[in-house]
Amino acid sequence: MRECCSKQEKIQSPLAKARGLGSAKSGYHHWWMQRVTALALVPLSLWMLLHLPRLFAATYTDALTWMAHPWNSLALLLFLWMAFYHAVLGLEVVIEDYIHCKVGKPFMLLLTRFVFGLAGIMAGYAVLLINFG
């Protein structure tokens, strides 16, 4: 079995375990940002659901015209960025809870942030290119 993924734990007394498991107040910001992004996604998702049927039926030029409107662009960017950030926060929790490999966990966390960060940059670039093309 590889060393980085072994499930052997150090033998500790219950007191030693308890001392290491106290609240470090490091997860509060993460928890709070999950709630903020979820709350922001409620009206943005409703807005998106309102406009999606029209966009599916629209031609390419009609969709570009719709996206070139400043309020639509702003709402679309906010929706995408909030959704990407909310997804990153959720995936980080899953990775931290279920990936136990000492090498794999930091790699997966970094990869998640990189992929969603790149997607956010590309989405912003695409919307700005359509608006200021």
C-alpha atoms as a PDB file:
ATOM      1  CA  MET A   1       0.000   0.000   0.000  1.00  0.00           C
ATOM      2  CA  ARG A   2       1.316   3.444  -0.883  1.00  0.00           C
ATOM      3  CA  GLU A   3       2.472   5.538   2.023  1.00  0.00           C
ATOM      4  CA  CYS A   4       0.542   8.668   1.053  1.00  0.00           C
ATOM      5  CA  CYS A   5      -2.774   6.870   1.145  1.00  0.00           C
ATOM      6  CA  SER A   6      -2.329   4.574   4.112  1.00  0.00           C
ATOM      7  CA  LYS A   7      -5.154   4.557   6.588  1.00  0.00           C
ATOM      8  CA  GLN A   8      -2.980   3.935   9.590  1.00  0.00           C
ATOM      9  CA  GLU A   9      -3.522   6.564  12.226  1.00  0.00           C
ATOM     10  CA  LYS A  10      -1.281   7.592  15.023  1.00  0.00           C
ATOM     11  CA  ILE A  11      -2.257   6.091  18.331  1.00  0.00           C
ATOM     12  CA  GLN A  12      -3.339   8.959  20.558  1.00  0.00           C
ATOM     13  CA  SER A  13      -5.054   9.214  23.864  1.00  0.00           C
ATOM     14  CA  PRO A  14      -8.606  10.600  23.853  1.00  0.00           C
ATOM     15  CA  LEU A  15      -7.336  13.817  25.468  1.00  0.00           C
ATOM     16  CA  ALA A  16      -4.722  14.299  22.742  1.00  0.00           C
ATOM     17  CA  LYS A  17      -7.369  13.777  20.074  1.00  0.00           C
ATOM     18  CA  ALA A  18      -9.732  16.238  21.751  1.00  0.00           C
ATOM     19  CA  ARG A  19      -7.052  18.907  21.974  1.00  0.00           C
ATOM     20  CA  GLY A  20      -6.430  18.649  18.252  1.00  0.00           C
ATOM     21  CA  LEU A  21     -10.091  18.715  17.261  1.00  0.00           C
ATOM     22  CA  GLY A  22     -11.205  22.020  18.766  1.00  0.00           C
ATOM     23  CA  SER A  23     -12.669  24.887  16.811  1.00  0.00           C
ATOM     24  CA  ALA A  24      -9.983  26.820  15.013  1.00  0.00           C
ATOM     25  CA  LYS A  25     -12.548  29.289  13.633  1.00  0.00           C
ATOM     26  CA  SER A  26     -11.052  28.685  10.192  1.00  0.00           C
ATOM     27  CA  GLY A  27     -14.185  27.270   8.593  1.00  0.00           C
ATOM     28  CA  TYR A  28     -16.486  30.190   9.355  1.00  0.00           C
ATOM     29  CA  HIS A  29     -15.592  32.193   6.251  1.00  0.00           C
ATOM     30  CA  HIS A  30     -16.039  29.139   4.038  1.00  0.00           C
ATOM     31  CA  TRP A  31     -19.414  28.354   5.631  1.00  0.00           C
ATOM     32  CA  TRP A  32     -20.546  31.977   5.364  1.00  0.00           C
ATOM     33  CA  MET A  33     -19.523  32.287   1.697  1.00  0.00           C
ATOM     34  CA  GLN A  34     -21.486  29.141   0.846  1.00  0.00           C
ATOM     35  CA  ARG A  35     -24.593  30.772   2.309  1.00  0.00           C
ATOM     36  CA  VAL A  36     -23.945  34.123   0.616  1.00  0.00           C
ATOM     37  CA  THR A  37     -23.444  32.551  -2.806  1.00  0.00           C
ATOM     38  CA  ALA A  38     -26.499  30.326  -2.347  1.00  0.00           C
ATOM     39  CA  LEU A  39     -28.605  33.352  -1.432  1.00  0.00           C
ATOM     40  CA  ALA A  40     -27.244  35.338  -4.388  1.00  0.00           C
ATOM     41  CA  LEU A  41     -27.983  32.445  -6.733  1.00  0.00           C
ATOM     42  CA  VAL A  42     -31.706  32.414  -5.869  1.00  0.00           C
ATOM     43  CA  PRO A  43     -32.700  35.600  -7.748  1.00  0.00           C
ATOM     44  CA  LEU A  44     -30.010  35.069 -10.383  1.00  0.00           C
ATOM     45  CA  SER A  45     -31.289  31.542 -11.077  1.00  0.00           C
ATOM     46  CA  LEU A  46     -34.860  32.799 -11.321  1.00  0.00           C
ATOM     47  CA  TRP A  47     -33.690  35.477 -13.757  1.00  0.00           C
ATOM     48  CA  MET A  48     -31.831  32.847 -15.778  1.00  0.00           C
ATOM     49  CA  LEU A  49     -34.836  30.500 -15.836  1.00  0.00           C
ATOM     50  CA  LEU A  50     -36.989  33.385 -17.042  1.00  0.00           C
ATOM     51  CA  HIS A  51     -34.666  34.152 -19.966  1.00  0.00           C
ATOM     52  CA  LEU A  52     -33.540  30.651 -20.994  1.00  0.00           C
ATOM     53  CA  PRO A  53     -36.681  29.661 -22.947  1.00  0.00           C
ATOM     54  CA  ARG A  54     -36.403  32.840 -24.992  1.00  0.00           C
ATOM     55  CA  LEU A  55     -32.709  32.194 -25.653  1.00  0.00           C
ATOM     56  CA  PHE A  56     -33.318  28.611 -26.762  1.00  0.00           C
ATOM     57  CA  ALA A  57     -35.785  29.833 -29.367  1.00  0.00           C
ATOM     58  CA  ALA A  58     -33.621  32.784 -30.460  1.00  0.00           C
ATOM     59  CA  THR A  59     -31.314  32.937 -33.432  1.00  0.00           C
ATOM     60  CA  TYR A  60     -27.588  33.445 -32.941  1.00  0.00           C
ATOM     61  CA  THR A  61     -27.782  37.176 -33.674  1.00  0.00           C
ATOM     62  CA  ASP A  62     -30.778  37.577 -31.355  1.00  0.00           C
ATOM     63  CA  ALA A  63     -28.854  35.852 -28.561  1.00  0.00           C
ATOM     64  CA  LEU A  64     -25.849  38.118 -29.156  1.00  0.00           C
ATOM     65  CA  THR A  65     -28.112  41.165 -29.094  1.00  0.00           C
ATOM     66  CA  TRP A  66     -29.653  39.965 -25.840  1.00  0.00           C
ATOM     67  CA  MET A  67     -26.233  39.383 -24.294  1.00  0.00           C
ATOM     68  CA  ALA A  68     -24.928  42.751 -25.495  1.00  0.00           C
ATOM     69  CA  HIS A  69     -27.465  44.510 -23.271  1.00  0.00           C
ATOM     70  CA  PRO A  70     -25.514  45.731 -20.201  1.00  0.00           C
ATOM     71  CA  TRP A  71     -27.987  44.483 -17.578  1.00  0.00           C
ATOM     72  CA  ASN A  72     -28.192  41.036 -19.140  1.00  0.00           C
ATOM     73  CA  SER A  73     -24.405  40.830 -19.353  1.00  0.00           C
ATOM     74  CA  LEU A  74     -24.001  41.881 -15.745  1.00  0.00           C
ATOM     75  CA  ALA A  75     -26.629  39.425 -14.508  1.00  0.00           C
ATOM     76  CA  LEU A  76     -25.146  36.622 -16.614  1.00  0.00           C
ATOM     77  CA  LEU A  77     -21.634  37.283 -15.299  1.00  0.00           C
ATOM     78  CA  LEU A  78     -22.871  37.425 -11.712  1.00  0.00           C
ATOM     79  CA  PHE A  79     -24.802  34.194 -12.206  1.00  0.00           C
ATOM     80  CA  LEU A  80     -21.821  32.368 -13.705  1.00  0.00           C
ATOM     81  CA  TRP A  81     -19.273  33.670 -11.193  1.00  0.00           C
ATOM     82  CA  MET A  82     -21.525  32.944  -8.210  1.00  0.00           C
ATOM     83  CA  ALA A  83     -22.320  29.470  -9.547  1.00  0.00           C
ATOM     84  CA  PHE A  84     -18.629  28.699 -10.161  1.00  0.00           C
ATOM     85  CA  TYR A  85     -17.592  29.972  -6.733  1.00  0.00           C
ATOM     86  CA  HIS A  86     -20.428  28.099  -5.030  1.00  0.00           C
ATOM     87  CA  ALA A  87     -19.387  24.928  -6.868  1.00  0.00           C
ATOM     88  CA  VAL A  88     -15.768  25.386  -5.759  1.00  0.00           C
ATOM     89  CA  LEU A  89     -16.830  25.803  -2.139  1.00  0.00           C
ATOM     90  CA  GLY A  90     -18.998  22.694  -2.276  1.00  0.00           C
ATOM     91  CA  LEU A  91     -16.379  20.568  -4.020  1.00  0.00           C
ATOM     92  CA  GLU A  92     -13.739  21.657  -1.508  1.00  0.00           C
ATOM     93  CA  VAL A  93     -15.895  20.289   1.305  1.00  0.00           C
ATOM     94  CA  VAL A  94     -16.355  16.994  -0.538  1.00  0.00           C
ATOM     95  CA  ILE A  95     -12.626  16.708  -1.276  1.00  0.00           C
ATOM     96  CA  GLU A  96     -11.628  17.578   2.290  1.00  0.00           C
ATOM     97  CA  ASP A  97     -14.075  15.043   3.699  1.00  0.00           C
ATOM     98  CA  TYR A  98     -13.554  12.119   1.340  1.00  0.00           C
ATOM     99  CA  ILE A  99     -10.033  12.339  -0.115  1.00  0.00           C
ATOM    100  CA  HIS A 100      -7.610  11.048   2.509  1.00  0.00           C
ATOM    101  CA  CYS A 101      -4.433  10.853   0.464  1.00  0.00           C
ATOM    102  CA  LYS A 102      -1.910  13.432   1.708  1.00  0.00           C
ATOM    103  CA  VAL A 103      -0.690  14.070  -1.829  1.00  0.00           C
ATOM    104  CA  GLY A 104      -4.028  13.770  -3.619  1.00  0.00           C
ATOM    105  CA  LYS A 105      -6.032  16.136  -1.426  1.00  0.00           C
ATOM    106  CA  PRO A 106      -3.973  19.320  -2.025  1.00  0.00           C
ATOM    107  CA  PHE A 107      -3.680  18.433  -5.715  1.00  0.00           C
ATOM    108  CA  MET A 108      -7.453  17.998  -6.076  1.00  0.00           C
ATOM    109  CA  LEU A 109      -8.141  21.228  -4.161  1.00  0.00           C
ATOM    110  CA  LEU A 110      -5.711  23.141  -6.370  1.00  0.00           C
ATOM    111  CA  LEU A 111      -7.074  21.548  -9.536  1.00  0.00           C
ATOM    112  CA  THR A 112     -10.647  22.428  -8.556  1.00  0.00           C
ATOM    113  CA  ARG A 113      -9.783  26.074  -7.948  1.00  0.00           C
ATOM    114  CA  PHE A 114      -7.750  26.238 -11.153  1.00  0.00           C
ATOM    115  CA  VAL A 115     -10.455  24.726 -13.379  1.00  0.00           C
ATOM    116  CA  PHE A 116     -13.282  26.856 -11.998  1.00  0.00           C
ATOM    117  CA  GLY A 117     -11.089  29.964 -11.899  1.00  0.00           C
ATOM    118  CA  LEU A 118     -10.185  29.444 -15.536  1.00  0.00           C
ATOM    119  CA  ALA A 119     -13.854  28.879 -16.400  1.00  0.00           C
ATOM    120  CA  GLY A 120     -14.763  32.142 -14.638  1.00  0.00           C
ATOM    121  CA  ILE A 121     -12.061  34.061 -16.495  1.00  0.00           C
ATOM    122  CA  MET A 122     -13.145  32.568 -19.821  1.00  0.00           C
ATOM    123  CA  ALA A 123     -16.805  33.388 -19.127  1.00  0.00           C
ATOM    124  CA  GLY A 124     -15.907  36.972 -18.244  1.00  0.00           C
ATOM    125  CA  TYR A 125     -13.755  37.303 -21.349  1.00  0.00           C
ATOM    126  CA  ALA A 126     -16.517  35.929 -23.579  1.00  0.00           C
ATOM    127  CA  VAL A 127     -19.144  38.308 -22.208  1.00  0.00           C
ATOM    128  CA  LEU A 128     -16.794  41.305 -22.419  1.00  0.00           C
ATOM    129  CA  LEU A 129     -15.820  40.338 -25.956  1.00  0.00           C
ATOM    130  CA  ILE A 130     -19.473  40.277 -26.986  1.00  0.00           C
ATOM    131  CA  ASN A 131     -20.124  43.654 -25.346  1.00  0.00           C
ATOM    132  CA  PHE A 132     -17.018  45.529 -26.434  1.00  0.00           C
ATOM    133  CA  GLY A 133     -15.975  43.232 -29.316  1.00  0.00           C
END
